[in-house]
């Protein structure tokens, strides 16, 4: 799912592109809570459109869902690869960038310098996408959550603590499930 903020949109909307990517359009005047409530209220519609192959046992639906995942995965990788050069202000050196299906994490940084991101980064508002990328980039310098790490994140992205709380809210709402 892609999230797009719009100055022209008058109301929240969900759209499905020709490639099967679901897009949530959020007008500027709509709060994050309202957008989340809108998604919750439209969960049945989303389930019908995207489907759940594990529940249905339908192999055609399973193939379609797998195809959607690869579309999401590629879109997420494109997003991350586009944003890293802009957000990597200290020119942190990294090895590989991967997008995966993760159940409990938004991202990770390996000891080999590999940056891994959950494909559901696409579901997040752009400011949280940027926060997540900066968070993992800073782990290249500080492979822990020490004060020095949080200071590094704050230097790159003012308001990082608030963004971290918002990301945790998305996690509690089941976005990683």
C-alpha atoms as a PDB file:
ATOM      1  CA  UNK A   1       0.000   0.000   0.000  1.00  0.00           C
ATOM      2  CA  UNK A   2       1.248   3.426  -0.871  1.00  0.00           C
ATOM      3  CA  UNK A   3       0.296   6.488   1.142  1.00  0.00           C
ATOM      4  CA  UNK A   4       0.017   9.834  -0.626  1.00  0.00           C
ATOM      5  CA  UNK A   5      -0.734  13.163   1.009  1.00  0.00           C
ATOM      6  CA  UNK A   6      -2.635  15.556  -1.227  1.00  0.00           C
ATOM      7  CA  UNK A   7      -3.415  19.254  -1.051  1.00  0.00           C
ATOM      8  CA  UNK A   8      -6.149  18.810  -3.669  1.00  0.00           C
ATOM      9  CA  UNK A   9      -8.001  15.802  -2.230  1.00  0.00           C
ATOM     10  CA  UNK A  10     -11.242  16.634  -0.437  1.00  0.00           C
ATOM     11  CA  UNK A  11     -11.683  13.286   1.317  1.00  0.00           C
ATOM     12  CA  UNK A  12      -9.807  10.142   2.267  1.00  0.00           C
ATOM     13  CA  UNK A  13      -9.822   7.522  -0.468  1.00  0.00           C
ATOM     14  CA  UNK A  14      -8.469   4.108  -1.330  1.00  0.00           C
ATOM     15  CA  UNK A  15      -7.560   3.346  -4.930  1.00  0.00           C
ATOM     16  CA  UNK A  16      -6.229   0.333  -6.758  1.00  0.00           C
ATOM     17  CA  UNK A  17      -3.848   1.011  -9.623  1.00  0.00           C
ATOM     18  CA  UNK A  18      -3.680  -1.086 -12.782  1.00  0.00           C
ATOM     19  CA  UNK A  19      -0.642  -2.895 -11.328  1.00  0.00           C
ATOM     20  CA  UNK A  20      -2.652  -3.832  -8.244  1.00  0.00           C
ATOM     21  CA  UNK A  21      -0.980  -1.407  -5.845  1.00  0.00           C
ATOM     22  CA  UNK A  22      -3.387   0.017  -3.281  1.00  0.00           C
ATOM     23  CA  UNK A  23      -3.010   3.726  -2.618  1.00  0.00           C
ATOM     24  CA  UNK A  24      -4.381   5.609   0.369  1.00  0.00           C
ATOM     25  CA  UNK A  25      -4.897   9.287  -0.466  1.00  0.00           C
ATOM     26  CA  UNK A  26      -4.926  11.582   2.562  1.00  0.00           C
ATOM     27  CA  UNK A  27      -6.001  15.227   2.304  1.00  0.00           C
ATOM     28  CA  UNK A  28      -3.694  17.629   4.149  1.00  0.00           C
ATOM     29  CA  UNK A  29      -6.385  18.595   6.638  1.00  0.00           C
ATOM     30  CA  UNK A  30      -6.913  14.964   7.777  1.00  0.00           C
ATOM     31  CA  UNK A  31      -5.093  13.759  10.895  1.00  0.00           C
ATOM     32  CA  UNK A  32      -3.121  10.539  11.146  1.00  0.00           C
ATOM     33  CA  UNK A  33      -5.728   9.138  13.556  1.00  0.00           C
ATOM     34  CA  UNK A  34      -8.531   9.841  11.077  1.00  0.00           C
ATOM     35  CA  UNK A  35      -6.566   8.068   8.329  1.00  0.00           C
ATOM     36  CA  UNK A  36      -5.979   5.029  10.551  1.00  0.00           C
ATOM     37  CA  UNK A  37      -9.668   4.934  11.507  1.00  0.00           C
ATOM     38  CA  UNK A  38     -10.571   5.146   7.810  1.00  0.00           C
ATOM     39  CA  UNK A  39      -8.350   2.136   7.064  1.00  0.00           C
ATOM     40  CA  UNK A  40      -9.874   0.172   9.935  1.00  0.00           C
ATOM     41  CA  UNK A  41     -13.392   0.970   8.699  1.00  0.00           C
ATOM     42  CA  UNK A  42     -12.476  -0.197   5.197  1.00  0.00           C
ATOM     43  CA  UNK A  43     -10.615  -3.361   6.231  1.00  0.00           C
ATOM     44  CA  UNK A  44     -13.344  -5.632   4.833  1.00  0.00           C
ATOM     45  CA  UNK A  45     -13.120  -3.914   1.441  1.00  0.00           C
ATOM     46  CA  UNK A  46      -9.316  -4.211   1.502  1.00  0.00           C
ATOM     47  CA  UNK A  47      -9.506  -7.909   2.399  1.00  0.00           C
ATOM     48  CA  UNK A  48     -11.899  -8.494  -0.495  1.00  0.00           C
ATOM     49  CA  UNK A  49      -9.663  -6.650  -2.969  1.00  0.00           C
ATOM     50  CA  UNK A  50      -6.297  -8.015  -1.812  1.00  0.00           C
ATOM     51  CA  UNK A  51      -7.527 -11.329  -0.442  1.00  0.00           C
ATOM     52  CA  UNK A  52      -6.062 -13.663   2.109  1.00  0.00           C
ATOM     53  CA  UNK A  53      -4.867 -16.859   0.410  1.00  0.00           C
ATOM     54  CA  UNK A  54      -4.140 -18.602   3.695  1.00  0.00           C
ATOM     55  CA  UNK A  55      -7.772 -18.231   4.741  1.00  0.00           C
ATOM     56  CA  UNK A  56      -9.349 -18.926   1.365  1.00  0.00           C
ATOM     57  CA  UNK A  57      -7.292 -21.876   0.170  1.00  0.00           C
ATOM     58  CA  UNK A  58      -7.690 -20.495  -3.364  1.00  0.00           C
ATOM     59  CA  UNK A  59      -4.470 -21.068  -5.333  1.00  0.00           C
ATOM     60  CA  UNK A  60      -5.345 -18.384  -7.920  1.00  0.00           C
ATOM     61  CA  UNK A  61      -5.780 -15.926  -5.094  1.00  0.00           C
ATOM     62  CA  UNK A  62      -2.517 -17.128  -3.534  1.00  0.00           C
ATOM     63  CA  UNK A  63      -0.690 -16.448  -6.806  1.00  0.00           C
ATOM     64  CA  UNK A  64      -2.343 -13.029  -7.097  1.00  0.00           C
ATOM     65  CA  UNK A  65      -1.438 -12.206  -3.496  1.00  0.00           C
ATOM     66  CA  UNK A  66       2.167 -13.315  -4.071  1.00  0.00           C
ATOM     67  CA  UNK A  67       2.260 -11.132  -7.180  1.00  0.00           C
ATOM     68  CA  UNK A  68       0.955  -8.190  -5.125  1.00  0.00           C
ATOM     69  CA  UNK A  69       3.665  -8.825  -2.522  1.00  0.00           C
ATOM     70  CA  UNK A  70       6.379  -8.688  -5.178  1.00  0.00           C
ATOM     71  CA  UNK A  71       4.856  -5.468  -6.546  1.00  0.00           C
ATOM     72  CA  UNK A  72       4.864  -4.029  -3.011  1.00  0.00           C
ATOM     73  CA  UNK A  73       8.382  -5.293  -2.387  1.00  0.00           C
ATOM     74  CA  UNK A  74       9.684  -3.660  -5.572  1.00  0.00           C
ATOM     75  CA  UNK A  75       7.831  -0.412  -4.838  1.00  0.00           C
ATOM     76  CA  UNK A  76       9.272  -0.385  -1.302  1.00  0.00           C
ATOM     77  CA  UNK A  77      12.789  -1.037  -2.599  1.00  0.00           C
ATOM     78  CA  UNK A  78      12.406   1.767  -5.150  1.00  0.00           C
ATOM     79  CA  UNK A  79      11.236   4.100  -2.373  1.00  0.00           C
ATOM     80  CA  UNK A  80      14.133   3.252  -0.049  1.00  0.00           C
ATOM     81  CA  UNK A  81      16.773   3.453  -2.790  1.00  0.00           C
ATOM     82  CA  UNK A  82      15.389   6.835  -3.877  1.00  0.00           C
ATOM     83  CA  UNK A  83      15.378   8.272  -0.335  1.00  0.00           C
ATOM     84  CA  UNK A  84      18.700   6.932   1.014  1.00  0.00           C
ATOM     85  CA  UNK A  85      20.928   9.309  -0.998  1.00  0.00           C
ATOM     86  CA  UNK A  86      18.909  12.297   0.228  1.00  0.00           C
ATOM     87  CA  UNK A  87      18.811  11.155   3.868  1.00  0.00           C
ATOM     88  CA  UNK A  88      22.370   9.796   4.147  1.00  0.00           C
ATOM     89  CA  UNK A  89      23.857  13.191   5.049  1.00  0.00           C
ATOM     90  CA  UNK A  90      26.966  11.764   6.721  1.00  0.00           C
ATOM     91  CA  UNK A  91      27.532   9.422   3.805  1.00  0.00           C
ATOM     92  CA  UNK A  92      27.335   6.320   6.002  1.00  0.00           C
ATOM     93  CA  UNK A  93      28.796   3.354   4.160  1.00  0.00           C
ATOM     94  CA  UNK A  94      26.415   0.424   3.728  1.00  0.00           C
ATOM     95  CA  UNK A  95      26.577  -2.840   1.850  1.00  0.00           C
ATOM     96  CA  UNK A  96      23.218  -4.132   0.563  1.00  0.00           C
ATOM     97  CA  UNK A  97      19.702  -2.747   0.811  1.00  0.00           C
ATOM     98  CA  UNK A  98      16.941  -5.330   0.997  1.00  0.00           C
ATOM     99  CA  UNK A  99      13.192  -5.290   1.421  1.00  0.00           C
ATOM    100  CA  UNK A 100      11.682  -8.265   3.195  1.00  0.00           C
ATOM    101  CA  UNK A 101       8.455  -9.551   4.655  1.00  0.00           C
ATOM    102  CA  UNK A 102       9.046  -9.160   8.401  1.00  0.00           C
ATOM    103  CA  UNK A 103       6.482  -9.881  11.096  1.00  0.00           C
ATOM    104  CA  UNK A 104       7.992  -8.045  14.056  1.00  0.00           C
ATOM    105  CA  UNK A 105      10.287  -5.312  12.711  1.00  0.00           C
ATOM    106  CA  UNK A 106      10.125  -2.278  10.482  1.00  0.00           C
ATOM    107  CA  UNK A 107      13.814  -2.554   9.673  1.00  0.00           C
ATOM    108  CA  UNK A 108      17.207  -3.805  10.732  1.00  0.00           C
ATOM    109  CA  UNK A 109      20.892  -3.208  10.170  1.00  0.00           C
ATOM    110  CA  UNK A 110      23.270  -6.168  10.116  1.00  0.00           C
ATOM    111  CA  UNK A 111      26.854  -6.274  11.346  1.00  0.00           C
ATOM    112  CA  UNK A 112      27.868  -6.590   7.676  1.00  0.00           C
ATOM    113  CA  UNK A 113      26.315  -3.196   6.941  1.00  0.00           C
ATOM    114  CA  UNK A 114      23.211  -4.554   5.223  1.00  0.00           C
ATOM    115  CA  UNK A 115      20.077  -2.431   5.591  1.00  0.00           C
ATOM    116  CA  UNK A 116      16.814  -4.361   5.682  1.00  0.00           C
ATOM    117  CA  UNK A 117      13.355  -2.829   5.522  1.00  0.00           C
ATOM    118  CA  UNK A 118       9.882  -4.254   5.908  1.00  0.00           C
ATOM    119  CA  UNK A 119       7.907  -3.957   2.671  1.00  0.00           C
ATOM    120  CA  UNK A 120       5.123  -2.382   4.736  1.00  0.00           C
ATOM    121  CA  UNK A 121       7.187   0.803   4.819  1.00  0.00           C
ATOM    122  CA  UNK A 122       4.864   1.646   1.900  1.00  0.00           C
ATOM    123  CA  UNK A 123       1.942   1.822   4.345  1.00  0.00           C
ATOM    124  CA  UNK A 124       3.568   4.598   6.344  1.00  0.00           C
ATOM    125  CA  UNK A 125       3.284   8.360   5.876  1.00  0.00           C
ATOM    126  CA  UNK A 126       6.344   9.841   4.172  1.00  0.00           C
ATOM    127  CA  UNK A 127       7.742  11.390   7.370  1.00  0.00           C
ATOM    128  CA  UNK A 128       7.736   7.953   9.051  1.00  0.00           C
ATOM    129  CA  UNK A 129       9.301   6.363   5.975  1.00  0.00           C
ATOM    130  CA  UNK A 130      12.135   8.903   6.228  1.00  0.00           C
ATOM    131  CA  UNK A 131      12.448   8.336   9.976  1.00  0.00           C
ATOM    132  CA  UNK A 132      12.745   4.584   9.494  1.00  0.00           C
ATOM    133  CA  UNK A 133      15.455   4.996   6.847  1.00  0.00           C
ATOM    134  CA  UNK A 134      17.428   7.481   8.998  1.00  0.00           C
ATOM    135  CA  UNK A 135      17.036   5.178  12.017  1.00  0.00           C
ATOM    136  CA  UNK A 136      18.623   2.259  10.155  1.00  0.00           C
ATOM    137  CA  UNK A 137      21.336   4.450   8.605  1.00  0.00           C
ATOM    138  CA  UNK A 138      22.352   5.646  12.075  1.00  0.00           C
ATOM    139  CA  UNK A 139      22.710   2.026  13.196  1.00  0.00           C
ATOM    140  CA  UNK A 140      25.633   1.804  10.780  1.00  0.00           C
ATOM    141  CA  UNK A 141      27.541   4.084  13.181  1.00  0.00           C
ATOM    142  CA  UNK A 142      25.900   3.002  16.453  1.00  0.00           C
ATOM    143  CA  UNK A 143      24.701  -0.643  16.347  1.00  0.00           C
ATOM    144  CA  UNK A 144      22.561  -0.189  19.466  1.00  0.00           C
ATOM    145  CA  UNK A 145      19.993   2.167  20.986  1.00  0.00           C
ATOM    146  CA  UNK A 146      22.433   4.097  23.176  1.00  0.00           C
ATOM    147  CA  UNK A 147      22.214   7.822  23.905  1.00  0.00           C
ATOM    148  CA  UNK A 148      24.830   8.388  21.203  1.00  0.00           C
ATOM    149  CA  UNK A 149      22.589   6.571  18.709  1.00  0.00           C
ATOM    150  CA  UNK A 150      19.506   8.648  19.589  1.00  0.00           C
ATOM    151  CA  UNK A 151      21.592  11.822  19.448  1.00  0.00           C
ATOM    152  CA  UNK A 152      22.764  10.828  15.952  1.00  0.00           C
ATOM    153  CA  UNK A 153      19.174  10.213  14.828  1.00  0.00           C
ATOM    154  CA  UNK A 154      18.050  13.564  16.277  1.00  0.00           C
ATOM    155  CA  UNK A 155      20.909  15.353  14.487  1.00  0.00           C
ATOM    156  CA  UNK A 156      19.706  13.973  11.166  1.00  0.00           C
ATOM    157  CA  UNK A 157      16.006  14.285  11.780  1.00  0.00           C
ATOM    158  CA  UNK A 158      14.589  16.833  14.236  1.00  0.00           C
ATOM    159  CA  UNK A 159      11.538  15.504  16.053  1.00  0.00           C
ATOM    160  CA  UNK A 160      12.796  11.916  15.869  1.00  0.00           C
ATOM    161  CA  UNK A 161      11.373  11.026  19.304  1.00  0.00           C
ATOM    162  CA  UNK A 162       7.865  12.033  18.219  1.00  0.00           C
ATOM    163  CA  UNK A 163       8.275  10.086  14.968  1.00  0.00           C
ATOM    164  CA  UNK A 164       9.447   7.031  16.912  1.00  0.00           C
ATOM    165  CA  UNK A 165       6.288   7.203  19.052  1.00  0.00           C
ATOM    166  CA  UNK A 166       4.141   7.478  15.919  1.00  0.00           C
ATOM    167  CA  UNK A 167       5.858   4.439  14.402  1.00  0.00           C
ATOM    168  CA  UNK A 168       5.182   2.473  17.580  1.00  0.00           C
ATOM    169  CA  UNK A 169       1.518   3.461  17.282  1.00  0.00           C
ATOM    170  CA  UNK A 170       1.395   1.914  13.818  1.00  0.00           C
ATOM    171  CA  UNK A 171       2.980  -1.235  15.242  1.00  0.00           C
ATOM    172  CA  UNK A 172       0.413  -1.441  18.060  1.00  0.00           C
ATOM    173  CA  UNK A 173      -2.400  -1.040  15.521  1.00  0.00           C
ATOM    174  CA  UNK A 174      -1.291  -4.223  13.812  1.00  0.00           C
ATOM    175  CA  UNK A 175       0.525  -2.885  10.760  1.00  0.00           C
ATOM    176  CA  UNK A 176       3.256  -5.492  11.217  1.00  0.00           C
ATOM    177  CA  UNK A 177       0.842  -8.426  11.495  1.00  0.00           C
END
